[in-house]
PDB file of N, CA and C in Angstrom:
ATOM      1  N   UNK A   1     -27.094 128.283 -41.652  1.00  0.00           N
ATOM      2  CA  UNK A   1     -28.161 127.409 -41.209  1.00  0.00           C
ATOM      3  C   UNK A   1     -29.465 128.156 -40.968  1.00  0.00           C
ATOM      4  N   UNK A   2     -29.400 129.409 -40.543  1.00  0.00           N
ATOM      5  CA  UNK A   2     -30.625 130.150 -40.289  1.00  0.00           C
ATOM      6  C   UNK A   2     -31.436 130.322 -41.566  1.00  0.00           C
ATOM      7  N   UNK A   3     -30.757 130.456 -42.690  1.00  0.00           N
ATOM      8  CA  UNK A   3     -31.462 130.574 -43.959  1.00  0.00           C
ATOM      9  C   UNK A   3     -32.197 129.287 -44.298  1.00  0.00           C
ATOM     10  N   UNK A   4     -31.597 128.145 -43.963  1.00  0.00           N
ATOM     11  CA  UNK A   4     -32.262 126.864 -44.191  1.00  0.00           C
ATOM     12  C   UNK A   4     -33.530 126.763 -43.354  1.00  0.00           C
ATOM     13  N   UNK A   5     -33.465 127.210 -42.108  1.00  0.00           N
ATOM     14  CA  UNK A   5     -34.640 127.166 -41.237  1.00  0.00           C
ATOM     15  C   UNK A   5     -35.751 128.052 -41.796  1.00  0.00           C
ATOM     16  N   UNK A   6     -35.384 129.239 -42.256  1.00  0.00           N
ATOM     17  CA  UNK A   6     -36.380 130.134 -42.844  1.00  0.00           C
ATOM     18  C   UNK A   6     -36.999 129.532 -44.102  1.00  0.00           C
ATOM     19  N   UNK A   7     -36.171 128.944 -44.943  1.00  0.00           N
ATOM     20  CA  UNK A   7     -36.669 128.343 -46.182  1.00  0.00           C
ATOM     21  C   UNK A   7     -37.630 127.207 -45.887  1.00  0.00           C
ATOM     22  N   UNK A   8     -37.230 126.307 -45.010  1.00  0.00           N
ATOM     23  CA  UNK A   8     -38.056 125.138 -44.701  1.00  0.00           C
ATOM     24  C   UNK A   8     -39.356 125.563 -44.017  1.00  0.00           C
ATOM     25  N   UNK A   9     -39.270 126.454 -43.056  1.00  0.00           N
ATOM     26  CA  UNK A   9     -40.469 126.923 -42.360  1.00  0.00           C
ATOM     27  C   UNK A   9     -41.408 127.633 -43.313  1.00  0.00           C
ATOM     28  N   UNK A  10     -40.863 128.467 -44.173  1.00  0.00           N
ATOM     29  CA  UNK A  10     -41.690 129.177 -45.140  1.00  0.00           C
ATOM     30  C   UNK A  10     -42.383 128.249 -46.118  1.00  0.00           C
ATOM     31  N   UNK A  11     -41.668 127.234 -46.587  1.00  0.00           N
ATOM     32  CA  UNK A  11     -42.284 126.287 -47.513  1.00  0.00           C
ATOM     33  C   UNK A  11     -43.377 125.467 -46.834  1.00  0.00           C
ATOM     34  N   UNK A  12     -43.147 125.056 -45.605  1.00  0.00           N
ATOM     35  CA  UNK A  12     -44.165 124.291 -44.878  1.00  0.00           C
ATOM     36  C   UNK A  12     -45.398 125.157 -44.627  1.00  0.00           C
ATOM     37  N   UNK A  13     -45.189 126.403 -44.221  1.00  0.00           N
ATOM     38  CA  UNK A  13     -46.323 127.309 -44.015  1.00  0.00           C
ATOM     39  C   UNK A  13     -47.101 127.526 -45.311  1.00  0.00           C
ATOM     40  N   UNK A  14     -46.394 127.688 -46.411  1.00  0.00           N
ATOM     41  CA  UNK A  14     -47.063 127.916 -47.694  1.00  0.00           C
ATOM     42  C   UNK A  14     -47.897 126.708 -48.111  1.00  0.00           C
ATOM     43  N   UNK A  15     -47.387 125.510 -47.892  1.00  0.00           N
ATOM     44  CA  UNK A  15     -48.142 124.302 -48.246  1.00  0.00           C
ATOM     45  C   UNK A  15     -49.396 124.194 -47.393  1.00  0.00           C
ATOM     46  N   UNK A  16     -49.267 124.441 -46.087  1.00  0.00           N
ATOM     47  CA  UNK A  16     -50.444 124.391 -45.226  1.00  0.00           C
ATOM     48  C   UNK A  16     -51.444 125.482 -45.589  1.00  0.00           C
ATOM     49  N   UNK A  17     -50.954 126.635 -45.981  1.00  0.00           N
ATOM     50  CA  UNK A  17     -51.845 127.733 -46.355  1.00  0.00           C
ATOM     51  C   UNK A  17     -52.597 127.411 -47.636  1.00  0.00           C
ATOM     52  N   UNK A  18     -51.950 126.762 -48.568  1.00  0.00           N
ATOM     53  CA  UNK A  18     -52.623 126.393 -49.822  1.00  0.00           C
ATOM     54  C   UNK A  18     -53.745 125.407 -49.545  1.00  0.00           C
ATOM     55  N   UNK A  19     -53.479 124.401 -48.715  1.00  0.00           N
ATOM     56  CA  UNK A  19     -54.530 123.436 -48.396  1.00  0.00           C
ATOM     57  C   UNK A  19     -55.669 124.095 -47.625  1.00  0.00           C
ATOM     58  N   UNK A  20     -55.343 125.019 -46.740  1.00  0.00           N
ATOM     59  CA  UNK A  20     -56.374 125.736 -46.002  1.00  0.00           C
ATOM     60  C   UNK A  20     -57.196 126.627 -46.928  1.00  0.00           C
ATOM     61  N   UNK A  21     -56.545 127.260 -47.883  1.00  0.00           N
ATOM     62  CA  UNK A  21     -57.260 128.113 -48.833  1.00  0.00           C
ATOM     63  C   UNK A  21     -58.195 127.277 -49.705  1.00  0.00           C
ATOM     64  N   UNK A  22     -57.740 126.117 -50.133  1.00  0.00           N
ATOM     65  CA  UNK A  22     -58.603 125.237 -50.931  1.00  0.00           C
ATOM     66  C   UNK A  22     -59.823 124.786 -50.133  1.00  0.00           C
ATOM     67  N   UNK A  23     -59.622 124.490 -48.855  1.00  0.00           N
ATOM     68  CA  UNK A  23     -60.746 124.094 -48.008  1.00  0.00           C
ATOM     69  C   UNK A  23     -61.719 125.252 -47.856  1.00  0.00           C
ATOM     70  N   UNK A  24     -61.195 126.447 -47.662  1.00  0.00           N
ATOM     71  CA  UNK A  24     -62.060 127.618 -47.519  1.00  0.00           C
ATOM     72  C   UNK A  24     -62.868 127.880 -48.788  1.00  0.00           C
ATOM     73  N   UNK A  25     -62.201 127.766 -49.935  1.00  0.00           N
ATOM     74  CA  UNK A  25     -62.909 127.969 -51.193  1.00  0.00           C
ATOM     75  C   UNK A  25     -64.001 126.926 -51.384  1.00  0.00           C
ATOM     76  N   UNK A  26     -63.709 125.683 -51.031  1.00  0.00           N
ATOM     77  CA  UNK A  26     -64.713 124.629 -51.219  1.00  0.00           C
ATOM     78  C   UNK A  26     -65.891 124.796 -50.268  1.00  0.00           C
ATOM     79  N   UNK A  27     -65.667 125.416 -49.110  1.00  0.00           N
ATOM     80  CA  UNK A  27     -66.751 125.685 -48.163  1.00  0.00           C
ATOM     81  C   UNK A  27     -67.475 126.986 -48.466  1.00  0.00           C
ATOM     82  N   UNK A  28     -67.005 127.727 -49.450  1.00  0.00           N
ATOM     83  CA  UNK A  28     -67.627 128.987 -49.822  1.00  0.00           C
ATOM     84  C   UNK A  28     -67.256 130.145 -48.913  1.00  0.00           C
ATOM     85  N   UNK A  29     -66.137 130.041 -48.223  1.00  0.00           N
ATOM     86  CA  UNK A  29     -65.689 131.087 -47.310  1.00  0.00           C
ATOM     87  C   UNK A  29     -64.515 131.851 -47.914  1.00  0.00           C
ATOM     88  N   UNK A  30     -64.211 132.983 -47.327  1.00  0.00           N
ATOM     89  CA  UNK A  30     -63.059 133.767 -47.750  1.00  0.00           C
ATOM     90  C   UNK A  30     -61.831 133.287 -46.980  1.00  0.00           C
ATOM     91  N   UNK A  31     -60.753 132.941 -47.669  1.00  0.00           N
ATOM     92  CA  UNK A  31     -59.564 132.398 -46.987  1.00  0.00           C
ATOM     93  C   UNK A  31     -58.645 133.492 -46.437  1.00  0.00           C
ATOM     94  N   UNK A  32     -59.138 134.270 -45.476  1.00  0.00           N
ATOM     95  CA  UNK A  32     -58.338 135.373 -44.937  1.00  0.00           C
ATOM     96  C   UNK A  32     -57.127 134.863 -44.157  1.00  0.00           C
ATOM     97  N   UNK A  33     -57.363 133.901 -43.283  1.00  0.00           N
ATOM     98  CA  UNK A  33     -56.258 133.357 -42.489  1.00  0.00           C
ATOM     99  C   UNK A  33     -55.210 132.687 -43.355  1.00  0.00           C
ATOM    100  N   UNK A  34     -55.678 131.948 -44.352  1.00  0.00           N
ATOM    101  CA  UNK A  34     -54.751 131.280 -45.260  1.00  0.00           C
ATOM    102  C   UNK A  34     -53.927 132.294 -46.041  1.00  0.00           C
ATOM    103  N   UNK A  35     -54.533 133.409 -46.393  1.00  0.00           N
ATOM    104  CA  UNK A  35     -53.804 134.436 -47.130  1.00  0.00           C
ATOM    105  C   UNK A  35     -52.704 135.048 -46.276  1.00  0.00           C
ATOM    106  N   UNK A  36     -52.991 135.269 -45.000  1.00  0.00           N
ATOM    107  CA  UNK A  36     -51.978 135.835 -44.099  1.00  0.00           C
ATOM    108  C   UNK A  36     -50.828 134.854 -43.909  1.00  0.00           C
ATOM    109  N   UNK A  37     -51.162 133.582 -43.716  1.00  0.00           N
ATOM    110  CA  UNK A  37     -50.116 132.571 -43.519  1.00  0.00           C
ATOM    111  C   UNK A  37     -49.309 132.394 -44.798  1.00  0.00           C
ATOM    112  N   UNK A  38     -49.969 132.428 -45.950  1.00  0.00           N
ATOM    113  CA  UNK A  38     -49.246 132.299 -47.212  1.00  0.00           C
ATOM    114  C   UNK A  38     -48.314 133.489 -47.428  1.00  0.00           C
ATOM    115  N   UNK A  39     -48.755 134.664 -47.051  1.00  0.00           N
ATOM    116  CA  UNK A  39     -47.908 135.853 -47.152  1.00  0.00           C
ATOM    117  C   UNK A  39     -46.691 135.720 -46.240  1.00  0.00           C
ATOM    118  N   UNK A  40     -46.899 135.235 -45.024  1.00  0.00           N
ATOM    119  CA  UNK A  40     -45.782 135.046 -44.097  1.00  0.00           C
ATOM    120  C   UNK A  40     -44.807 133.991 -44.622  1.00  0.00           C
ATOM    121  N   UNK A  41     -45.337 132.881 -45.135  1.00  0.00           N
ATOM    122  CA  UNK A  41     -44.476 131.838 -45.694  1.00  0.00           C
ATOM    123  C   UNK A  41     -43.698 132.330 -46.898  1.00  0.00           C
ATOM    124  N   UNK A  42     -44.367 133.078 -47.763  1.00  0.00           N
ATOM    125  CA  UNK A  42     -43.683 133.631 -48.930  1.00  0.00           C
ATOM    126  C   UNK A  42     -42.596 134.609 -48.545  1.00  0.00           C
ATOM    127  N   UNK A  43     -42.863 135.409 -47.515  1.00  0.00           N
ATOM    128  CA  UNK A  43     -41.849 136.356 -47.049  1.00  0.00           C
ATOM    129  C   UNK A  43     -40.645 135.620 -46.473  1.00  0.00           C
ATOM    130  N   UNK A  44     -40.886 134.529 -45.751  1.00  0.00           N
ATOM    131  CA  UNK A  44     -39.770 133.744 -45.205  1.00  0.00           C
ATOM    132  C   UNK A  44     -38.923 133.141 -46.320  1.00  0.00           C
ATOM    133  N   UNK A  45     -39.580 132.594 -47.337  1.00  0.00           N
ATOM    134  CA  UNK A  45     -38.854 132.001 -48.456  1.00  0.00           C
ATOM    135  C   UNK A  45     -38.066 133.081 -49.205  1.00  0.00           C
ATOM    136  N   UNK A  46     -38.689 134.218 -49.437  1.00  0.00           N
ATOM    137  CA  UNK A  46     -37.996 135.310 -50.140  1.00  0.00           C
ATOM    138  C   UNK A  46     -36.793 135.795 -49.343  1.00  0.00           C
ATOM    139  N   UNK A  47     -36.947 135.921 -48.039  1.00  0.00           N
ATOM    140  CA  UNK A  47     -35.843 136.360 -47.189  1.00  0.00           C
ATOM    141  C   UNK A  47     -34.698 135.352 -47.246  1.00  0.00           C
ATOM    142  N   UNK A  48     -35.026 134.064 -47.163  1.00  0.00           N
ATOM    143  CA  UNK A  48     -33.989 133.026 -47.205  1.00  0.00           C
ATOM    144  C   UNK A  48     -33.274 133.035 -48.560  1.00  0.00           C
ATOM    145  N   UNK A  49     -34.018 133.229 -49.636  1.00  0.00           N
ATOM    146  CA  UNK A  49     -33.402 133.231 -50.968  1.00  0.00           C
ATOM    147  C   UNK A  49     -32.469 134.421 -51.163  1.00  0.00           C
ATOM    148  N   UNK A  50     -32.846 135.562 -50.616  1.00  0.00           N
ATOM    149  CA  UNK A  50     -32.007 136.741 -50.809  1.00  0.00           C
ATOM    150  C   UNK A  50     -30.814 136.778 -49.857  1.00  0.00           C
ATOM    151  N   UNK A  51     -30.908 136.148 -48.708  1.00  0.00           N
ATOM    152  CA  UNK A  51     -29.842 136.216 -47.718  1.00  0.00           C
ATOM    153  C   UNK A  51     -28.806 135.104 -47.860  1.00  0.00           C
ATOM    154  N   UNK A  52     -29.124 134.043 -48.599  1.00  0.00           N
ATOM    155  CA  UNK A  52     -28.153 132.972 -48.809  1.00  0.00           C
ATOM    156  C   UNK A  52     -27.133 133.435 -49.848  1.00  0.00           C
ATOM    157  N   UNK A  53     -25.842 133.399 -49.521  1.00  0.00           N
ATOM    158  CA  UNK A  53     -24.831 133.950 -50.432  1.00  0.00           C
ATOM    159  C   UNK A  53     -24.842 133.329 -51.831  1.00  0.00           C
ATOM    160  N   UNK A  54     -25.001 132.028 -51.926  1.00  0.00           N
ATOM    161  CA  UNK A  54     -24.987 131.377 -53.229  1.00  0.00           C
ATOM    162  C   UNK A  54     -26.366 131.177 -53.809  1.00  0.00           C
ATOM    163  N   UNK A  55     -27.394 131.525 -53.054  1.00  0.00           N
ATOM    164  CA  UNK A  55     -28.758 131.270 -53.490  1.00  0.00           C
ATOM    165  C   UNK A  55     -29.114 129.795 -53.311  1.00  0.00           C
ATOM    166  N   UNK A  56     -30.309 129.446 -53.640  1.00  0.00           N
ATOM    167  CA  UNK A  56     -30.770 128.062 -53.565  1.00  0.00           C
ATOM    168  C   UNK A  56     -31.146 127.591 -54.954  1.00  0.00           C
ATOM    169  N   UNK A  57     -30.789 126.368 -55.256  1.00  0.00           N
ATOM    170  CA  UNK A  57     -31.266 125.729 -56.475  1.00  0.00           C
ATOM    171  C   UNK A  57     -32.337 124.718 -56.075  1.00  0.00           C
ATOM    172  N   UNK A  58     -32.971 124.126 -57.061  1.00  0.00           N
ATOM    173  CA  UNK A  58     -34.003 123.136 -56.776  1.00  0.00           C
ATOM    174  C   UNK A  58     -33.402 121.944 -56.032  1.00  0.00           C
ATOM    175  N   UNK A  59     -32.166 121.595 -56.347  1.00  0.00           N
ATOM    176  CA  UNK A  59     -31.509 120.468 -55.684  1.00  0.00           C
ATOM    177  C   UNK A  59     -31.156 120.783 -54.237  1.00  0.00           C
ATOM    178  N   UNK A  60     -31.039 122.051 -53.888  1.00  0.00           N
ATOM    179  CA  UNK A  60     -30.685 122.435 -52.521  1.00  0.00           C
ATOM    180  C   UNK A  60     -31.851 122.346 -51.549  1.00  0.00           C
ATOM    181  N   UNK A  61     -33.070 122.378 -52.046  1.00  0.00           N
ATOM    182  CA  UNK A  61     -34.232 122.396 -51.152  1.00  0.00           C
ATOM    183  C   UNK A  61     -34.348 121.107 -50.346  1.00  0.00           C
ATOM    184  N   UNK A  62     -34.263 119.911 -50.949  1.00  0.00           N
ATOM    185  CA  UNK A  62     -34.308 118.707 -50.111  1.00  0.00           C
ATOM    186  C   UNK A  62     -33.136 118.628 -49.127  1.00  0.00           C
ATOM    187  N   UNK A  63     -31.986 119.120 -49.547  1.00  0.00           N
ATOM    188  CA  UNK A  63     -30.831 119.128 -48.640  1.00  0.00           C
ATOM    189  C   UNK A  63     -31.075 120.051 -47.458  1.00  0.00           C
ATOM    190  N   UNK A  64     -31.741 121.168 -47.696  1.00  0.00           N
ATOM    191  CA  UNK A  64     -32.068 122.082 -46.604  1.00  0.00           C
ATOM    192  C   UNK A  64     -33.034 121.420 -45.630  1.00  0.00           C
ATOM    193  N   UNK A  65     -34.018 120.679 -46.154  1.00  0.00           N
ATOM    194  CA  UNK A  65     -34.929 119.948 -45.274  1.00  0.00           C
ATOM    195  C   UNK A  65     -34.162 118.943 -44.420  1.00  0.00           C
ATOM    196  N   UNK A  66     -33.229 118.239 -45.016  1.00  0.00           N
ATOM    197  CA  UNK A  66     -32.455 117.242 -44.270  1.00  0.00           C
ATOM    198  C   UNK A  66     -31.583 117.911 -43.221  1.00  0.00           C
ATOM    199  N   UNK A  67     -30.948 119.033 -43.565  1.00  0.00           N
ATOM    200  CA  UNK A  67     -30.122 119.741 -42.589  1.00  0.00           C
ATOM    201  C   UNK A  67     -30.941 120.234 -41.403  1.00  0.00           C
ATOM    202  N   UNK A  68     -32.117 120.766 -41.675  1.00  0.00           N
ATOM    203  CA  UNK A  68     -32.965 121.253 -40.588  1.00  0.00           C
ATOM    204  C   UNK A  68     -33.463 120.086 -39.738  1.00  0.00           C
ATOM    205  N   UNK A  69     -33.854 118.998 -40.374  1.00  0.00           N
ATOM    206  CA  UNK A  69     -34.294 117.823 -39.620  1.00  0.00           C
ATOM    207  C   UNK A  69     -33.165 117.260 -38.779  1.00  0.00           C
ATOM    208  N   UNK A  70     -31.958 117.217 -39.332  1.00  0.00           N
ATOM    209  CA  UNK A  70     -30.798 116.734 -38.560  1.00  0.00           C
ATOM    210  C   UNK A  70     -30.500 117.660 -37.390  1.00  0.00           C
ATOM    211  N   UNK A  71     -30.683 118.961 -37.579  1.00  0.00           N
ATOM    212  CA  UNK A  71     -30.465 119.914 -36.500  1.00  0.00           C
ATOM    213  C   UNK A  71     -31.488 119.703 -35.372  1.00  0.00           C
ATOM    214  N   UNK A  72     -32.729 119.402 -35.751  1.00  0.00           N
ATOM    215  CA  UNK A  72     -33.774 119.188 -34.749  1.00  0.00           C
ATOM    216  C   UNK A  72     -33.530 117.883 -33.986  1.00  0.00           C
ATOM    217  N   UNK A  73     -33.176 116.835 -34.707  1.00  0.00           N
ATOM    218  CA  UNK A  73     -32.962 115.524 -34.075  1.00  0.00           C
ATOM    219  C   UNK A  73     -31.684 115.513 -33.251  1.00  0.00           C
ATOM    220  N   UNK A  74     -30.628 116.060 -33.814  1.00  0.00           N
ATOM    221  CA  UNK A  74     -29.321 115.963 -33.159  1.00  0.00           C
ATOM    222  C   UNK A  74     -29.061 117.104 -32.336  1.00  0.00           C
TER     223      UNK A  74
END
């Protein structure tokens, strides 16, 4: 389950970092903060992918989101 949490958190951070970087580029600024967050999100995803014994497939990603959401709710 810890790998699922890392995967989901990393993907959410990466999505937020991409939107922040796009906003920074459109404002003519350097996206330093977005780059740091994207690096952290990418590292979390890479760690989760390497530490999961069977690895993750594309079909496993939505299931990981559901497992993490169920863990938070329940």
